Amino acid sequence: MPVMPGAEPFASDPGDGSREIGVVLSHGLTGTPQSMRAWGEHLAAHGIGVRGPRLPGHGTRWQDLNRTRWPDWYATVERAVDELRGEYRSVFVFGQSMGGTLTLRLAQERGDDLAGIALVNPSVTTLRRDAAVAPYIQWLVPWVPGVANDIKKPGVTELAYDRLPTRAAVSLTALWRLVRAELDRVRCPVLLFRSPSDHVVEPLSSELVLSGIGSDDVTDVVLADSHHVATLDNDAPTIFADSVAFVRRVHAARTGNPADPAGSIPGTPA
């Protein structure tokens, strides 16, 4: 199926040929790379290589998403990681919502392959009652009302499906169980952004992540002026600036390269 205009994947490498830091950015369920593009452009402007893949089933029509499962989404992000690892000294993965779930799984599975991760309102569970019955109705009810466009900033729209495909959502819950069971395997540096006024992912998800991960380098940043899709919201400048400082600090520490700034990151250490 044709890809929606604006939903295309994106990629950028520093024009000067330097290959120090590379970042893969993963969008969320029913979303598209559009929600991560401005973040990627900010990173690229600071000399960082970026890859923003379009996850299978996304950015075309909602029926396509019901034909995919979490291993399909995971494999796409993993391929982008492998591409950057062949070129860059330090590779990071940034994920929003379900993209954060995939990012956590990559940190669990790939270990030292990743220099660090950044999460924006990651999902690892839900308190929604309809989620409990979804496995039993997924073949009878192909979709439920959508979760896109939870943005506080006026005039901003997320390019995403207007409905949540049920079978894809059920697959995500299977990924949640895997990730929750092995959170202590996440040992790389973590930068976590969370919005108290998120209407899609409950605070419990970030609480579980912060209490369960095994990393001793964790920074928790509260986004007081954004809803769920914070990369398109009022606090996007904070996300962008803090993530640049994060990757530079971590890269400098792991490579011993004094040319990389090692400034501190705003936020409350976890």
Protein backbone atom coordinates (compact mmCIF):
# COMPACT_ATOMS: atom_id res chain seq x y z
CA MET A 1 0.00 0.00 0.00
CA PRO A 2 1.16 3.60 -0.62
CA VAL A 3 2.77 5.31 2.34
CA MET A 4 1.01 8.37 3.75
CA PRO A 5 2.79 11.63 2.82
CA GLY A 6 4.96 12.52 5.81
CA ALA A 7 5.12 8.95 7.14
CA GLU A 8 8.29 8.05 5.29
CA PRO A 9 11.37 6.81 7.16
CA PHE A 10 14.29 9.19 7.50
CA ALA A 11 18.06 8.95 7.74
CA SER A 12 20.98 11.35 8.00
CA ASP A 13 24.75 11.13 8.43
CA PRO A 14 27.17 13.94 9.28
CA GLY A 15 28.42 15.65 6.17
CA ASP A 16 31.96 15.93 7.51
CA GLY A 17 32.41 12.15 7.47
CA SER A 18 32.64 11.79 11.25
CA ARG A 19 31.06 8.64 12.61
CA GLU A 20 31.06 9.01 16.38
CA ILE A 21 27.43 8.85 17.59
CA GLY A 22 24.45 7.25 15.86
CA VAL A 23 20.85 7.15 17.06
CA VAL A 24 17.88 5.02 16.00
CA LEU A 25 14.48 6.63 16.73
CA SER A 26 11.40 4.42 17.04
CA HIS A 27 7.83 5.71 16.87
CA GLY A 28 4.85 4.23 18.70
CA LEU A 29 1.94 1.94 17.89
CA THR A 30 -0.34 3.35 15.14
CA GLY A 31 2.10 6.26 14.71
CA THR A 32 4.71 7.03 12.06
CA PRO A 33 8.25 8.46 11.82
CA GLN A 34 6.60 11.90 11.62
CA SER A 35 6.39 11.98 15.42
CA MET A 36 10.18 11.49 15.65
CA ARG A 37 11.34 13.50 12.64
CA ALA A 38 11.90 16.84 14.39
CA TRP A 39 13.89 15.06 17.10
CA GLY A 40 15.98 13.37 14.44
CA GLU A 41 16.58 16.68 12.66
CA HIS A 42 17.77 18.24 15.91
CA LEU A 43 20.22 15.39 16.50
CA ALA A 44 21.47 15.61 12.92
CA ALA A 45 22.07 19.35 13.31
CA HIS A 46 24.43 18.47 16.17
CA GLY A 47 26.53 16.08 14.10
CA ILE A 48 24.77 12.86 15.12
CA GLY A 49 23.83 10.14 12.64
CA VAL A 50 20.13 9.23 12.72
CA ARG A 51 17.82 6.52 11.45
CA GLY A 52 14.04 6.78 11.80
CA PRO A 53 12.51 3.58 10.41
CA ARG A 54 8.83 3.15 9.60
CA LEU A 55 7.63 0.10 11.50
CA PRO A 56 5.80 -2.61 9.51
CA GLY A 57 2.06 -2.04 9.19
CA HIS A 58 2.34 1.66 9.98
CA GLY A 59 1.82 4.69 7.78
CA THR A 60 -0.39 2.99 5.19
CA ARG A 61 -3.81 1.78 6.42
CA TRP A 62 -4.85 0.39 9.77
CA GLN A 63 -5.69 -3.05 8.33
CA ASP A 64 -2.00 -3.54 7.49
CA LEU A 65 -1.06 -3.15 11.14
CA ASN A 66 -3.34 -6.04 12.11
CA ARG A 67 -1.24 -8.28 9.87
CA THR A 68 1.94 -7.59 11.83
CA ARG A 69 3.19 -8.55 15.29
CA TRP A 70 5.77 -7.20 17.70
CA PRO A 71 8.67 -9.32 16.33
CA ASP A 72 8.13 -7.58 12.97
CA TRP A 73 8.45 -4.14 14.58
CA TYR A 74 11.41 -5.25 16.67
CA ALA A 75 13.27 -6.67 13.69
CA THR A 76 12.97 -3.36 11.84
CA VAL A 77 14.48 -1.36 14.69
CA GLU A 78 17.16 -4.00 15.20
CA ARG A 79 18.20 -3.79 11.54
CA ALA A 80 18.63 -0.03 11.93
CA VAL A 81 20.80 -0.64 15.01
CA ASP A 82 22.96 -3.10 13.09
CA GLU A 83 23.36 -0.63 10.24
CA LEU A 84 24.60 2.09 12.59
CA ARG A 85 26.81 -0.30 14.53
CA GLY A 86 28.71 -0.97 11.33
CA GLU A 87 29.50 2.73 10.98
CA TYR A 88 29.43 4.51 14.37
CA ARG A 89 31.47 4.15 17.55
CA SER A 90 28.49 4.60 19.89
CA VAL A 91 24.92 3.64 19.01
CA PHE A 92 21.85 4.70 20.99
CA VAL A 93 18.15 3.89 20.59
CA PHE A 94 15.40 6.40 21.40
CA GLY A 95 11.76 5.28 21.59
CA GLN A 96 8.40 6.85 22.29
CA SER A 97 5.47 4.88 23.75
CA MET A 98 5.56 1.41 22.13
CA GLY A 99 8.83 2.52 20.56
CA GLY A 100 10.09 2.73 24.12
CA THR A 101 8.97 -0.84 24.71
CA LEU A 102 10.98 -1.98 21.69
CA THR A 103 13.92 0.07 22.92
CA LEU A 104 13.85 -1.62 26.32
CA ARG A 105 13.75 -5.05 24.65
CA LEU A 106 16.75 -4.14 22.51
CA ALA A 107 18.66 -3.06 25.62
CA GLN A 108 17.79 -6.40 27.23
CA GLU A 109 18.80 -8.46 24.22
CA ARG A 110 21.74 -6.51 22.79
CA GLY A 111 23.54 -5.49 25.98
CA ASP A 112 26.82 -3.71 25.27
CA ASP A 113 25.88 -3.21 21.61
CA LEU A 114 23.95 -0.15 22.80
CA ALA A 115 25.71 2.79 24.43
CA GLY A 116 22.45 3.96 25.99
CA ILE A 117 18.72 4.49 25.50
CA ALA A 118 16.22 7.33 25.82
CA LEU A 119 12.53 6.70 26.49
CA VAL A 120 9.55 9.04 26.10
CA ASN A 121 6.43 7.86 27.91
CA PRO A 122 7.32 4.18 27.40
CA SER A 123 4.56 1.59 27.75
CA VAL A 124 5.00 -1.70 29.60
CA THR A 125 1.46 -2.21 30.92
CA THR A 126 -2.02 -0.70 31.01
CA LEU A 127 -4.86 -0.37 33.46
CA ARG A 128 -7.51 -0.14 30.74
CA ARG A 129 -10.27 -2.68 31.27
CA ASP A 130 -10.76 -3.37 27.58
CA ALA A 131 -7.18 -4.64 27.36
CA ALA A 132 -8.13 -7.65 29.48
CA VAL A 133 -10.80 -8.79 27.02
CA ALA A 134 -8.92 -7.92 23.84
CA PRO A 135 -7.30 -11.39 23.45
CA TYR A 136 -10.77 -12.96 23.40
CA ILE A 137 -12.38 -10.55 20.93
CA GLN A 138 -9.46 -9.78 18.62
CA TRP A 139 -10.80 -11.93 15.76
CA LEU A 140 -14.35 -10.55 16.11
CA VAL A 141 -13.54 -6.88 16.75
CA PRO A 142 -10.78 -5.76 14.38
CA TRP A 143 -10.29 -2.33 15.93
CA VAL A 144 -11.13 -0.10 18.87
CA PRO A 145 -11.06 3.71 19.14
CA GLY A 146 -7.63 5.18 18.47
CA VAL A 147 -5.09 6.60 20.89
CA ALA A 148 -3.33 9.09 18.60
CA ASN A 149 -3.00 12.86 18.90
CA ASP A 150 -2.70 13.16 22.68
CA ILE A 151 -0.92 16.51 22.33
CA LYS A 152 -1.38 19.59 24.49
CA LYS A 153 0.17 22.10 22.08
CA PRO A 154 -2.51 23.76 19.92
CA GLY A 155 -2.40 23.24 16.18
CA VAL A 156 -0.13 20.18 16.22
CA THR A 157 -1.31 16.88 14.74
CA GLU A 158 0.26 13.44 14.94
CA LEU A 159 0.24 11.51 11.68
CA ALA A 160 -1.26 8.23 12.87
CA TYR A 161 -4.20 5.88 12.45
CA ASP A 162 -7.52 7.02 13.90
CA ARG A 163 -8.17 3.56 15.35
CA LEU A 164 -6.22 0.91 17.27
CA PRO A 165 -6.07 -2.45 15.45
CA THR A 166 -6.96 -5.09 18.02
CA ARG A 167 -4.67 -7.93 16.99
CA ALA A 168 -1.66 -5.62 16.89
CA ALA A 169 -2.56 -4.29 20.33
CA VAL A 170 -2.77 -7.83 21.72
CA SER A 171 0.68 -8.55 20.33
CA LEU A 172 2.02 -5.50 22.13
CA THR A 173 0.75 -6.89 25.44
CA ALA A 174 2.84 -10.02 24.82
CA LEU A 175 5.90 -7.81 24.37
CA TRP A 176 5.03 -5.97 27.59
CA ARG A 177 5.15 -9.23 29.53
CA LEU A 178 8.58 -10.10 28.18
CA VAL A 179 9.98 -6.66 28.90
CA ARG A 180 8.57 -6.43 32.43
CA ALA A 181 9.94 -9.85 33.33
CA GLU A 182 13.50 -8.87 32.41
CA LEU A 183 13.77 -5.17 33.25
CA ASP A 184 16.83 -5.86 35.39
CA ARG A 185 18.71 -6.83 32.21
CA VAL A 186 18.65 -3.18 31.11
CA ARG A 187 22.07 -2.04 32.32
CA CYS A 188 23.05 0.70 29.89
CA PRO A 189 22.59 4.41 30.68
CA VAL A 190 18.93 5.43 30.54
CA LEU A 191 17.31 8.83 29.98
CA LEU A 192 13.57 8.67 30.68
CA PHE A 193 11.06 11.43 29.91
CA ARG A 194 7.54 11.16 31.33
CA SER A 195 4.42 13.31 31.12
CA PRO A 196 2.18 13.37 34.22
CA SER A 197 -0.73 14.42 31.98
CA ASP A 198 -0.34 11.50 29.57
CA HIS A 199 -3.82 10.25 28.56
CA VAL A 200 -2.59 7.13 26.75
CA VAL A 201 0.06 5.48 28.95
CA GLU A 202 -0.57 5.52 32.68
CA PRO A 203 2.18 6.66 35.11
CA LEU A 204 2.50 3.07 36.27
CA SER A 205 4.53 2.16 33.17
CA SER A 206 7.32 4.65 33.89
CA GLU A 207 7.22 3.73 37.57
CA LEU A 208 7.76 0.07 36.73
CA VAL A 209 10.61 0.92 34.37
CA LEU A 210 12.39 3.17 36.84
CA SER A 211 12.06 0.69 39.70
CA GLY A 212 12.94 -2.38 37.66
CA ILE A 213 15.87 -1.55 35.37
CA GLY A 214 19.35 -2.60 36.41
CA SER A 215 21.24 0.48 35.19
CA ASP A 216 23.16 2.61 37.66
CA ASP A 217 23.03 5.59 35.27
CA VAL A 218 19.39 6.69 35.11
CA THR A 219 18.01 10.21 34.62
CA ASP A 220 14.30 10.86 35.10
CA VAL A 221 12.90 14.03 33.48
CA VAL A 222 9.32 15.14 34.12
CA LEU A 223 7.58 16.88 31.19
CA ALA A 224 5.13 19.17 32.94
CA ASP A 225 3.68 20.81 29.83
CA SER A 226 3.07 17.88 27.48
CA HIS A 227 0.68 14.99 26.96
CA HIS A 228 1.60 11.59 25.48
CA VAL A 229 3.19 12.51 22.15
CA ALA A 230 5.74 14.71 23.87
CA THR A 231 8.14 14.85 20.91
CA LEU A 232 5.55 17.02 19.14
CA ASP A 233 4.42 18.89 22.24
CA ASN A 234 5.46 21.89 24.34
CA ASP A 235 8.35 20.08 26.02
CA ALA A 236 9.96 18.89 22.79
CA PRO A 237 12.85 21.40 23.13
CA THR A 238 13.70 19.87 26.51
CA ILE A 239 13.69 16.36 25.05
CA PHE A 240 15.88 17.43 22.15
CA ALA A 241 18.46 19.37 24.20
CA ASP A 242 18.70 16.84 27.02
CA SER A 243 19.14 13.92 24.64
CA VAL A 244 22.05 15.62 22.84
CA ALA A 245 23.76 16.24 26.19
CA PHE A 246 23.04 12.63 27.19
CA VAL A 247 24.58 10.96 24.14
CA ARG A 248 27.62 13.23 24.22
CA ARG A 249 28.23 12.57 27.91
CA VAL A 250 27.85 8.81 27.58
CA HIS A 251 29.92 8.65 24.40
CA ALA A 252 32.74 10.66 26.00
CA ALA A 253 32.73 8.41 29.07
CA ARG A 254 32.85 5.16 27.10
CA THR A 255 35.41 6.25 24.49
CA GLY A 256 37.56 8.60 26.54
CA ASN A 257 37.30 11.16 23.75
CA PRO A 258 37.90 14.59 25.32
CA ALA A 259 36.50 16.26 22.21
CA ASP A 260 33.01 15.22 23.22
CA PRO A 261 31.25 17.51 25.72
CA ALA A 262 30.42 15.77 28.96
CA GLY A 263 27.98 18.21 30.49
CA SER A 264 25.32 17.25 32.97
CA ILE A 265 21.71 16.64 32.00
CA PRO A 266 18.84 18.63 33.50
CA GLY A 267 16.44 16.45 35.42
CA THR A 268 16.15 14.49 38.61
CA PRO A 269 18.50 11.50 38.95
CA ALA A 270 16.52 8.35 39.70
